[in-house]
Amino acid sequence: MKKSIYPRCLRIASLLLAISGLSACVTINIYFPAAAAEKAADKVIDEIWQAPATSPAPVTTQPLVPAATPVMPSATPVTPTVDQEPTP
């Protein structure tokens, strides 16, 4: 009588599935030392405060975006016309 290989393949597949499922649940936590982060933040703040005071940006006289053409009313007034029905 010949043994079937299906139960063995099913066990191997189940084992591989369980191992891959467990390995997918691994969480990696990275903690930054608070002192090092605070030191880096202080360094950045010091660099900003010590930046040479440059003159402010020159004021431009022309607008950056061209102004839209204003809508002007027509010089002649428009009189509305009403179609009246003839009276009998």
Protein backbone atom coordinates (compact mmCIF):
# COMPACT_ATOMS: atom_id res chain seq x y z
CA MET A 1 0.00 0.00 0.00
CA LYS A 2 1.34 3.39 -1.03
CA LYS A 3 1.33 6.24 1.49
CA SER A 4 -0.03 9.58 0.44
CA ILE A 5 2.29 12.59 0.62
CA TYR A 6 -0.56 15.07 1.06
CA PRO A 7 -0.72 14.94 4.88
CA ARG A 8 3.02 15.65 5.06
CA CYS A 9 2.77 18.55 2.58
CA LEU A 10 -0.18 19.90 4.55
CA ARG A 11 1.87 19.84 7.77
CA ILE A 12 4.83 21.58 6.12
CA ALA A 13 2.57 24.22 4.56
CA SER A 14 0.83 24.80 7.89
CA LEU A 15 4.17 25.13 9.67
CA LEU A 16 5.51 27.59 7.09
CA LEU A 17 2.30 29.61 7.30
CA ALA A 18 2.48 29.74 11.09
CA ILE A 19 6.15 30.81 11.04
CA SER A 20 5.53 33.51 8.45
CA GLY A 21 2.48 34.71 10.40
CA LEU A 22 4.46 34.98 13.63
CA SER A 23 7.34 36.76 11.94
CA ALA A 24 4.94 39.30 10.42
CA CYS A 25 3.82 40.32 13.92
CA VAL A 26 7.26 41.50 15.01
CA THR A 27 7.40 45.19 15.92
CA ILE A 28 10.66 47.09 15.97
CA ASN A 29 10.71 50.03 18.35
CA ILE A 30 13.39 52.66 17.93
CA TYR A 31 13.92 55.00 20.84
CA PHE A 32 15.86 58.23 20.46
CA PRO A 33 17.76 59.43 23.48
CA ALA A 34 16.02 62.52 24.82
CA ALA A 35 19.29 64.26 25.68
CA ALA A 36 20.66 63.90 22.17
CA ALA A 37 17.42 65.15 20.62
CA GLU A 38 17.35 68.15 22.95
CA LYS A 39 20.99 68.93 22.19
CA ALA A 40 20.33 68.82 18.45
CA ALA A 41 17.30 71.09 18.86
CA ASP A 42 19.34 73.58 20.90
CA LYS A 43 22.03 73.58 18.22
CA VAL A 44 19.50 74.37 15.49
CA ILE A 45 17.97 77.16 17.58
CA ASP A 46 21.40 78.64 18.29
CA GLU A 47 22.24 78.59 14.57
CA ILE A 48 19.03 80.41 13.77
CA TRP A 49 19.58 83.09 16.41
CA GLN A 50 23.21 83.58 15.41
CA ALA A 51 22.44 84.02 11.71
CA PRO A 52 23.69 87.39 10.49
CA ALA A 53 20.99 89.99 10.40
CA THR A 54 20.61 90.78 6.75
CA SER A 55 18.65 93.65 5.38
CA PRO A 56 15.00 92.85 4.77
CA ALA A 57 13.94 91.92 1.30
CA PRO A 58 13.50 94.95 -0.94
CA VAL A 59 9.97 96.15 -1.35
CA THR A 60 8.83 95.76 -4.91
CA THR A 61 6.68 98.42 -6.46
CA GLN A 62 5.11 96.10 -8.99
CA PRO A 63 2.59 93.51 -7.83
CA LEU A 64 3.62 89.89 -8.18
CA VAL A 65 0.29 89.01 -9.73
CA PRO A 66 -1.12 91.33 -12.40
CA ALA A 67 -4.32 93.00 -11.35
CA ALA A 68 -7.47 91.80 -13.04
CA THR A 69 -9.16 94.15 -15.46
CA PRO A 70 -12.05 95.77 -13.60
CA VAL A 71 -15.51 95.26 -15.01
CA MET A 72 -16.89 98.62 -16.07
CA PRO A 73 -20.61 99.18 -16.55
CA SER A 74 -21.65 100.28 -20.00
CA ALA A 75 -22.09 104.01 -20.56
CA THR A 76 -25.66 103.69 -21.81
CA PRO A 77 -28.25 102.22 -19.49
CA VAL A 78 -30.10 99.17 -20.71
CA THR A 79 -33.86 99.34 -20.45
CA PRO A 80 -35.49 95.98 -19.97
CA THR A 81 -38.16 95.10 -22.49
CA VAL A 82 -41.21 93.15 -21.51
CA ASP A 83 -43.28 91.40 -24.10
CA GLN A 84 -46.87 92.20 -23.38
CA GLU A 85 -49.67 90.04 -24.59
CA PRO A 86 -52.28 91.87 -26.66
CA THR A 87 -55.45 92.55 -24.79
CA PRO A 88 -58.75 91.47 -26.47
